[in-house]
Amino acid sequence: MVTGALQTWEKVLEYASVPLHGTMSRKIRKGVKLQINEGKVYEDAVLFISDLFLRVTEESDGAAINTYYDIDSISSIRTYSNKE
């Protein structure tokens, strides 16, 4: 059974991202930034959402950096976008 927190965060993350063709991952939409638990602000990152964790993959200096969040430990997700 899917928990309420997972359903909530899935909806927020789906709003902020688009499917990455040929994968189960999602890319943060152009012009959108994402902040989890008042931490780092992600832009141009790839998300993988499971029922246990959220993985955020970004690149820096030619290295892939994966940050994992326990779905049950996410207390807030903030999105930033340009006002239209």
PDB file of N, CA and C in Angstrom:
ATOM      1  N   MET A   1       0.838  -1.193   0.000  1.00  0.00           N
ATOM      2  CA  MET A   1       0.000   0.000   0.000  1.00  0.00           C
ATOM      3  C   MET A   1       0.877   1.249   0.000  1.00  0.00           C
ATOM      4  N   VAL A   2       0.511   2.226  -0.778  1.00  0.00           N
ATOM      5  CA  VAL A   2       1.260   3.463  -0.882  1.00  0.00           C
ATOM      6  C   VAL A   2       0.864   4.386   0.261  1.00  0.00           C
ATOM      7  N   THR A   3       1.873   4.947   0.936  1.00  0.00           N
ATOM      8  CA  THR A   3       1.588   5.829   2.066  1.00  0.00           C
ATOM      9  C   THR A   3       1.142   7.204   1.590  1.00  0.00           C
ATOM     10  N   GLY A   4       0.487   7.935   2.481  1.00  0.00           N
ATOM     11  CA  GLY A   4       0.044   9.284   2.154  1.00  0.00           C
ATOM     12  C   GLY A   4       1.191  10.205   1.822  1.00  0.00           C
ATOM     13  N   ALA A   5       2.302  10.092   2.579  1.00  0.00           N
ATOM     14  CA  ALA A   5       3.469  10.940   2.321  1.00  0.00           C
ATOM     15  C   ALA A   5       4.031  10.662   0.933  1.00  0.00           C
ATOM     16  N   LEU A   6       4.128   9.399   0.569  1.00  0.00           N
ATOM     17  CA  LEU A   6       4.652   9.048  -0.754  1.00  0.00           C
ATOM     18  C   LEU A   6       3.760   9.621  -1.845  1.00  0.00           C
ATOM     19  N   GLN A   7       2.460   9.486  -1.702  1.00  0.00           N
ATOM     20  CA  GLN A   7       1.539  10.021  -2.709  1.00  0.00           C
ATOM     21  C   GLN A   7       1.687  11.531  -2.839  1.00  0.00           C
ATOM     22  N   THR A   8       1.809  12.204  -1.714  1.00  0.00           N
ATOM     23  CA  THR A   8       1.968  13.660  -1.723  1.00  0.00           C
ATOM     24  C   THR A   8       3.245  14.063  -2.431  1.00  0.00           C
ATOM     25  N   TRP A   9       4.365  13.474  -2.050  1.00  0.00           N
ATOM     26  CA  TRP A   9       5.653  13.850  -2.641  1.00  0.00           C
ATOM     27  C   TRP A   9       5.726  13.449  -4.107  1.00  0.00           C
ATOM     28  N   GLU A  10       5.125  12.325  -4.480  1.00  0.00           N
ATOM     29  CA  GLU A  10       5.088  11.940  -5.896  1.00  0.00           C
ATOM     30  C   GLU A  10       4.405  13.011  -6.731  1.00  0.00           C
ATOM     31  N   LYS A  11       3.281  13.516  -6.256  1.00  0.00           N
ATOM     32  CA  LYS A  11       2.545  14.552  -6.995  1.00  0.00           C
ATOM     33  C   LYS A  11       3.370  15.830  -7.126  1.00  0.00           C
ATOM     34  N   VAL A  12       4.002  16.248  -6.050  1.00  0.00           N
ATOM     35  CA  VAL A  12       4.833  17.459  -6.087  1.00  0.00           C
ATOM     36  C   VAL A  12       5.989  17.268  -7.063  1.00  0.00           C
ATOM     37  N   LEU A  13       6.662  16.127  -6.995  1.00  0.00           N
ATOM     38  CA  LEU A  13       7.808  15.863  -7.858  1.00  0.00           C
ATOM     39  C   LEU A  13       7.398  15.693  -9.316  1.00  0.00           C
ATOM     40  N   GLU A  14       6.241  15.124  -9.556  1.00  0.00           N
ATOM     41  CA  GLU A  14       5.740  15.007 -10.928  1.00  0.00           C
ATOM     42  C   GLU A  14       5.456  16.385 -11.513  1.00  0.00           C
ATOM     43  N   TYR A  15       4.926  17.290 -10.699  1.00  0.00           N
ATOM     44  CA  TYR A  15       4.674  18.660 -11.149  1.00  0.00           C
ATOM     45  C   TYR A  15       5.981  19.347 -11.550  1.00  0.00           C
ATOM     46  N   ALA A  16       7.035  19.104 -10.792  1.00  0.00           N
ATOM     47  CA  ALA A  16       8.300  19.815 -10.983  1.00  0.00           C
ATOM     48  C   ALA A  16       9.211  19.177 -12.030  1.00  0.00           C
ATOM     49  N   SER A  17       8.795  18.053 -12.615  1.00  0.00           N
ATOM     50  CA  SER A  17       9.691  17.329 -13.515  1.00  0.00           C
ATOM     51  C   SER A  17       8.938  16.753 -14.709  1.00  0.00           C
ATOM     52  N   VAL A  18       9.716  16.250 -15.659  1.00  0.00           N
ATOM     53  CA  VAL A  18       9.166  15.580 -16.841  1.00  0.00           C
ATOM     54  C   VAL A  18       9.834  14.220 -16.973  1.00  0.00           C
ATOM     55  N   PRO A  19       9.113  13.239 -17.552  1.00  0.00           N
ATOM     56  CA  PRO A  19       9.716  11.910 -17.716  1.00  0.00           C
ATOM     57  C   PRO A  19      10.966  11.978 -18.593  1.00  0.00           C
ATOM     58  N   LEU A  20      11.964  11.201 -18.239  1.00  0.00           N
ATOM     59  CA  LEU A  20      13.191  11.093 -19.011  1.00  0.00           C
ATOM     60  C   LEU A  20      13.014   9.914 -19.952  1.00  0.00           C
ATOM     61  N   HIS A  21      12.998  10.155 -21.233  1.00  0.00           N
ATOM     62  CA  HIS A  21      12.671   9.152 -22.248  1.00  0.00           C
ATOM     63  C   HIS A  21      13.471   7.857 -22.053  1.00  0.00           C
ATOM     64  N   GLY A  22      12.754   6.736 -22.038  1.00  0.00           N
ATOM     65  CA  GLY A  22      13.383   5.421 -21.972  1.00  0.00           C
ATOM     66  C   GLY A  22      13.813   4.987 -20.584  1.00  0.00           C
ATOM     67  N   THR A  23      13.438   5.747 -19.540  1.00  0.00           N
ATOM     68  CA  THR A  23      13.839   5.389 -18.174  1.00  0.00           C
ATOM     69  C   THR A  23      12.647   5.578 -17.230  1.00  0.00           C
ATOM     70  N   MET A  24      12.849   5.174 -16.006  1.00  0.00           N
ATOM     71  CA  MET A  24      11.850   5.402 -14.959  1.00  0.00           C
ATOM     72  C   MET A  24      12.129   6.722 -14.226  1.00  0.00           C
ATOM     73  N   SER A  25      13.144   7.446 -14.664  1.00  0.00           N
ATOM     74  CA  SER A  25      13.564   8.681 -13.999  1.00  0.00           C
ATOM     75  C   SER A  25      12.846   9.886 -14.583  1.00  0.00           C
ATOM     76  N   ARG A  26      12.960  10.997 -13.887  1.00  0.00           N
ATOM     77  CA  ARG A  26      12.348  12.249 -14.299  1.00  0.00           C
ATOM     78  C   ARG A  26      13.378  13.369 -14.192  1.00  0.00           C
ATOM     79  N   LYS A  27      13.375  14.300 -15.148  1.00  0.00           N
ATOM     80  CA  LYS A  27      14.292  15.439 -15.145  1.00  0.00           C
ATOM     81  C   LYS A  27      13.539  16.665 -14.645  1.00  0.00           C
ATOM     82  N   ILE A  28      14.191  17.437 -13.790  1.00  0.00           N
ATOM     83  CA  ILE A  28      13.575  18.679 -13.314  1.00  0.00           C
ATOM     84  C   ILE A  28      13.296  19.567 -14.527  1.00  0.00           C
ATOM     85  N   ARG A  29      12.071  20.102 -14.588  1.00  0.00           N
ATOM     86  CA  ARG A  29      11.670  20.934 -15.723  1.00  0.00           C
ATOM     87  C   ARG A  29      12.573  22.142 -15.868  1.00  0.00           C
ATOM     88  N   LYS A  30      12.754  22.551 -17.124  1.00  0.00           N
ATOM     89  CA  LYS A  30      13.539  23.753 -17.412  1.00  0.00           C
ATOM     90  C   LYS A  30      12.867  24.943 -16.737  1.00  0.00           C
ATOM     91  N   GLY A  31      13.655  25.757 -16.064  1.00  0.00           N
ATOM     92  CA  GLY A  31      13.127  26.931 -15.379  1.00  0.00           C
ATOM     93  C   GLY A  31      12.615  26.656 -13.977  1.00  0.00           C
ATOM     94  N   VAL A  32      12.733  25.398 -13.524  1.00  0.00           N
ATOM     95  CA  VAL A  32      12.278  25.028 -12.181  1.00  0.00           C
ATOM     96  C   VAL A  32      13.477  24.615 -11.337  1.00  0.00           C
ATOM     97  N   LYS A  33      13.469  25.028 -10.099  1.00  0.00           N
ATOM     98  CA  LYS A  33      14.469  24.602  -9.115  1.00  0.00           C
ATOM     99  C   LYS A  33      13.721  23.891  -7.996  1.00  0.00           C
ATOM    100  N   LEU A  34      14.401  22.965  -7.356  1.00  0.00           N
ATOM    101  CA  LEU A  34      13.772  22.108  -6.351  1.00  0.00           C
ATOM    102  C   LEU A  34      14.627  22.102  -5.088  1.00  0.00           C
ATOM    103  N   GLN A  35      13.991  22.269  -3.936  1.00  0.00           N
ATOM    104  CA  GLN A  35      14.687  22.253  -2.653  1.00  0.00           C
ATOM    105  C   GLN A  35      13.971  21.269  -1.724  1.00  0.00           C
ATOM    106  N   ILE A  36      14.740  20.349  -1.151  1.00  0.00           N
ATOM    107  CA  ILE A  36      14.175  19.323  -0.279  1.00  0.00           C
ATOM    108  C   ILE A  36      14.638  19.574   1.149  1.00  0.00           C
ATOM    109  N   ASN A  37      13.691  19.595   2.078  1.00  0.00           N
ATOM    110  CA  ASN A  37      13.979  19.789   3.506  1.00  0.00           C
ATOM    111  C   ASN A  37      14.838  21.023   3.773  1.00  0.00           C
ATOM    112  N   GLU A  38      14.554  22.107   3.067  1.00  0.00           N
ATOM    113  CA  GLU A  38      15.274  23.371   3.283  1.00  0.00           C
ATOM    114  C   GLU A  38      16.778  23.247   3.011  1.00  0.00           C
ATOM    115  N   GLY A  39      17.170  22.221   2.240  1.00  0.00           N
ATOM    116  CA  GLY A  39      18.584  21.980   1.940  1.00  0.00           C
ATOM    117  C   GLY A  39      19.000  22.588   0.622  1.00  0.00           C
ATOM    118  N   LYS A  40      19.865  21.877  -0.077  1.00  0.00           N
ATOM    119  CA  LYS A  40      20.416  22.323  -1.352  1.00  0.00           C
ATOM    120  C   LYS A  40      19.300  22.555  -2.369  1.00  0.00           C
ATOM    121  N   VAL A  41      19.490  23.543  -3.222  1.00  0.00           N
ATOM    122  CA  VAL A  41      18.555  23.818  -4.305  1.00  0.00           C
ATOM    123  C   VAL A  41      19.091  23.125  -5.559  1.00  0.00           C
ATOM    124  N   TYR A  42      18.269  22.240  -6.142  1.00  0.00           N
ATOM    125  CA  TYR A  42      18.661  21.484  -7.323  1.00  0.00           C
ATOM    126  C   TYR A  42      18.067  22.114  -8.571  1.00  0.00           C
ATOM    127  N   GLU A  43      18.879  22.127  -9.622  1.00  0.00           N
ATOM    128  CA  GLU A  43      18.457  22.609 -10.927  1.00  0.00           C
ATOM    129  C   GLU A  43      19.151  21.716 -11.950  1.00  0.00           C
ATOM    130  N   ASP A  44      18.478  21.313 -12.983  1.00  0.00           N
ATOM    131  CA  ASP A  44      19.080  20.457 -14.001  1.00  0.00           C
ATOM    132  C   ASP A  44      19.533  19.119 -13.415  1.00  0.00           C
ATOM    133  N   ALA A  45      18.728  18.547 -12.541  1.00  0.00           N
ATOM    134  CA  ALA A  45      19.025  17.248 -11.930  1.00  0.00           C
ATOM    135  C   ALA A  45      17.988  16.230 -12.393  1.00  0.00           C
ATOM    136  N   VAL A  46      18.301  14.952 -12.174  1.00  0.00           N
ATOM    137  CA  VAL A  46      17.405  13.854 -12.532  1.00  0.00           C
ATOM    138  C   VAL A  46      16.909  13.206 -11.253  1.00  0.00           C
ATOM    139  N   LEU A  47      15.619  12.904 -11.206  1.00  0.00           N
ATOM    140  CA  LEU A  47      14.989  12.324 -10.030  1.00  0.00           C
ATOM    141  C   LEU A  47      14.591  10.876 -10.307  1.00  0.00           C
ATOM    142  N   PHE A  48      14.757  10.028  -9.319  1.00  0.00           N
ATOM    143  CA  PHE A  48      14.196   8.680  -9.350  1.00  0.00           C
ATOM    144  C   PHE A  48      13.380   8.518  -8.085  1.00  0.00           C
ATOM    145  N   ILE A  49      12.087   8.251  -8.253  1.00  0.00           N
ATOM    146  CA  ILE A  49      11.172   8.175  -7.116  1.00  0.00           C
ATOM    147  C   ILE A  49      10.782   6.718  -6.890  1.00  0.00           C
ATOM    148  N   SER A  50      11.050   6.212  -5.692  1.00  0.00           N
ATOM    149  CA  SER A  50      10.588   4.865  -5.341  1.00  0.00           C
ATOM    150  C   SER A  50       9.727   4.981  -4.092  1.00  0.00           C
ATOM    151  N   ASP A  51       9.168   3.872  -3.671  1.00  0.00           N
ATOM    152  CA  ASP A  51       8.323   3.917  -2.474  1.00  0.00           C
ATOM    153  C   ASP A  51       9.144   4.029  -1.194  1.00  0.00           C
ATOM    154  N   LEU A  52      10.459   3.849  -1.293  1.00  0.00           N
ATOM    155  CA  LEU A  52      11.329   3.929  -0.115  1.00  0.00           C
ATOM    156  C   LEU A  52      12.215   5.167  -0.098  1.00  0.00           C
ATOM    157  N   PHE A  53      12.621   5.628  -1.270  1.00  0.00           N
ATOM    158  CA  PHE A  53      13.585   6.732  -1.316  1.00  0.00           C
ATOM    159  C   PHE A  53      13.389   7.578  -2.557  1.00  0.00           C
ATOM    160  N   LEU A  54      13.992   8.762  -2.512  1.00  0.00           N
ATOM    161  CA  LEU A  54      14.109   9.653  -3.659  1.00  0.00           C
ATOM    162  C   LEU A  54      15.594   9.794  -3.941  1.00  0.00           C
ATOM    163  N   ARG A  55      15.997   9.524  -5.182  1.00  0.00           N
ATOM    164  CA  ARG A  55      17.402   9.736  -5.566  1.00  0.00           C
ATOM    165  C   ARG A  55      17.453  10.952  -6.475  1.00  0.00           C
ATOM    166  N   VAL A  56      18.362  11.877  -6.177  1.00  0.00           N
ATOM    167  CA  VAL A  56      18.588  13.061  -7.002  1.00  0.00           C
ATOM    168  C   VAL A  56      19.993  12.923  -7.577  1.00  0.00           C
ATOM    169  N   THR A  57      20.096  12.899  -8.910  1.00  0.00           N
ATOM    170  CA  THR A  57      21.385  12.751  -9.582  1.00  0.00           C
ATOM    171  C   THR A  57      21.721  14.051 -10.287  1.00  0.00           C
ATOM    172  N   GLU A  58      22.919  14.538 -10.039  1.00  0.00           N
ATOM    173  CA  GLU A  58      23.412  15.747 -10.688  1.00  0.00           C
ATOM    174  C   GLU A  58      24.847  15.507 -11.120  1.00  0.00           C
ATOM    175  N   GLU A  59      25.359  16.354 -11.988  1.00  0.00           N
ATOM    176  CA  GLU A  59      26.737  16.235 -12.447  1.00  0.00           C
ATOM    177  C   GLU A  59      27.541  17.433 -11.977  1.00  0.00           C
ATOM    178  N   SER A  60      28.807  17.161 -11.607  1.00  0.00           N
ATOM    179  CA  SER A  60      29.720  18.219 -11.201  1.00  0.00           C
ATOM    180  C   SER A  60      31.137  17.788 -11.535  1.00  0.00           C
ATOM    181  N   ASP A  61      31.837  18.581 -12.298  1.00  0.00           N
ATOM    182  CA  ASP A  61      33.220  18.301 -12.687  1.00  0.00           C
ATOM    183  C   ASP A  61      33.374  16.899 -13.276  1.00  0.00           C
ATOM    184  N   GLY A  62      32.425  16.484 -14.110  1.00  0.00           N
ATOM    185  CA  GLY A  62      32.499  15.194 -14.778  1.00  0.00           C
ATOM    186  C   GLY A  62      32.110  14.002 -13.920  1.00  0.00           C
ATOM    187  N   ALA A  63      31.689  14.245 -12.702  1.00  0.00           N
ATOM    188  CA  ALA A  63      31.290  13.150 -11.808  1.00  0.00           C
ATOM    189  C   ALA A  63      29.773  13.182 -11.609  1.00  0.00           C
ATOM    190  N   ALA A  64      29.174  11.997 -11.514  1.00  0.00           N
ATOM    191  CA  ALA A  64      27.750  11.895 -11.192  1.00  0.00           C
ATOM    192  C   ALA A  64      27.618  11.851  -9.673  1.00  0.00           C
ATOM    193  N   ILE A  65      26.802  12.727  -9.134  1.00  0.00           N
ATOM    194  CA  ILE A  65      26.589  12.796  -7.692  1.00  0.00           C
ATOM    195  C   ILE A  65      25.153  12.369  -7.416  1.00  0.00           C
ATOM    196  N   ASN A  66      24.982  11.342  -6.602  1.00  0.00           N
ATOM    197  CA  ASN A  66      23.661  10.843  -6.226  1.00  0.00           C
ATOM    198  C   ASN A  66      23.412  11.184  -4.762  1.00  0.00           C
ATOM    199  N   THR A  67      22.286  11.831  -4.498  1.00  0.00           N
ATOM    200  CA  THR A  67      21.867  12.134  -3.141  1.00  0.00           C
ATOM    201  C   THR A  67      20.557  11.388  -2.908  1.00  0.00           C
ATOM    202  N   TYR A  68      20.478  10.676  -1.796  1.00  0.00           N
ATOM    203  CA  TYR A  68      19.308   9.857  -1.482  1.00  0.00           C
ATOM    204  C   TYR A  68      18.562  10.437  -0.289  1.00  0.00           C
ATOM    205  N   TYR A  69      17.243  10.483  -0.402  1.00  0.00           N
ATOM    206  CA  TYR A  69      16.379  10.934   0.684  1.00  0.00           C
ATOM    207  C   TYR A  69      15.404   9.818   1.016  1.00  0.00           C
ATOM    208  N   ASP A  70      15.246   9.509   2.284  1.00  0.00           N
ATOM    209  CA  ASP A  70      14.227   8.573   2.748  1.00  0.00           C
ATOM    210  C   ASP A  70      12.870   9.255   2.559  1.00  0.00           C
ATOM    211  N   ILE A  71      11.975   8.621   1.810  1.00  0.00           N
ATOM    212  CA  ILE A  71      10.662   9.236   1.532  1.00  0.00           C
ATOM    213  C   ILE A  71       9.960   9.646   2.821  1.00  0.00           C
ATOM    214  N   ASP A  72      10.034   8.809   3.839  1.00  0.00           N
ATOM    215  CA  ASP A  72       9.348   9.104   5.104  1.00  0.00           C
ATOM    216  C   ASP A  72      10.015  10.240   5.885  1.00  0.00           C
ATOM    217  N   SER A  73      11.254  10.603   5.505  1.00  0.00           N
ATOM    218  CA  SER A  73      11.962  11.669   6.210  1.00  0.00           C
ATOM    219  C   SER A  73      11.852  13.024   5.515  1.00  0.00           C
ATOM    220  N   ILE A  74      11.232  13.050   4.354  1.00  0.00           N
ATOM    221  CA  ILE A  74      11.044  14.327   3.669  1.00  0.00           C
ATOM    222  C   ILE A  74       9.921  15.084   4.369  1.00  0.00           C
ATOM    223  N   SER A  75      10.247  16.283   4.837  1.00  0.00           N
ATOM    224  CA  SER A  75       9.242  17.085   5.533  1.00  0.00           C
ATOM    225  C   SER A  75       8.754  18.255   4.683  1.00  0.00           C
ATOM    226  N   SER A  76       9.564  18.656   3.674  1.00  0.00           N
ATOM    227  CA  SER A  76       9.130  19.742   2.804  1.00  0.00           C
ATOM    228  C   SER A  76       9.847  19.666   1.461  1.00  0.00           C
ATOM    229  N   ILE A  77       9.131  20.089   0.443  1.00  0.00           N
ATOM    230  CA  ILE A  77       9.706  20.255  -0.890  1.00  0.00           C
ATOM    231  C   ILE A  77       9.277  21.628  -1.370  1.00  0.00           C
ATOM    232  N   ARG A  78      10.249  22.419  -1.772  1.00  0.00           N
ATOM    233  CA  ARG A  78       9.971  23.773  -2.268  1.00  0.00           C
ATOM    234  C   ARG A  78      10.346  23.811  -3.741  1.00  0.00           C
ATOM    235  N   THR A  79       9.494  24.425  -4.573  1.00  0.00           N
ATOM    236  CA  THR A  79       9.821  24.614  -5.971  1.00  0.00           C
ATOM    237  C   THR A  79       9.955  26.113  -6.240  1.00  0.00           C
ATOM    238  N   TYR A  80      10.869  26.439  -7.133  1.00  0.00           N
ATOM    239  CA  TYR A  80      11.086  27.820  -7.578  1.00  0.00           C
ATOM    240  C   TYR A  80      10.878  27.843  -9.082  1.00  0.00           C
ATOM    241  N   SER A  81      10.132  28.801  -9.584  1.00  0.00           N
ATOM    242  CA  SER A  81       9.981  28.972 -11.011  1.00  0.00           C
ATOM    243  C   SER A  81       9.715  30.445 -11.301  1.00  0.00           C
ATOM    244  N   ASN A  82       9.911  30.807 -12.547  1.00  0.00           N
ATOM    245  CA  ASN A  82       9.673  32.195 -12.940  1.00  0.00           C
ATOM    246  C   ASN A  82       8.180  32.480 -12.931  1.00  0.00           C
ATOM    247  N   LYS A  83       7.831  33.652 -12.457  1.00  0.00           N
ATOM    248  CA  LYS A  83       6.437  34.071 -12.457  1.00  0.00           C
ATOM    249  C   LYS A  83       6.045  34.444 -13.873  1.00  0.00           C
ATOM    250  N   GLU A  84       4.944  33.883 -14.331  1.00  0.00           N
ATOM    251  CA  GLU A  84       4.522  34.148 -15.725  1.00  0.00           C
ATOM    252  C   GLU A  84       3.561  35.289 -15.814  1.00  0.00           C
TER     253      GLU A  84
END
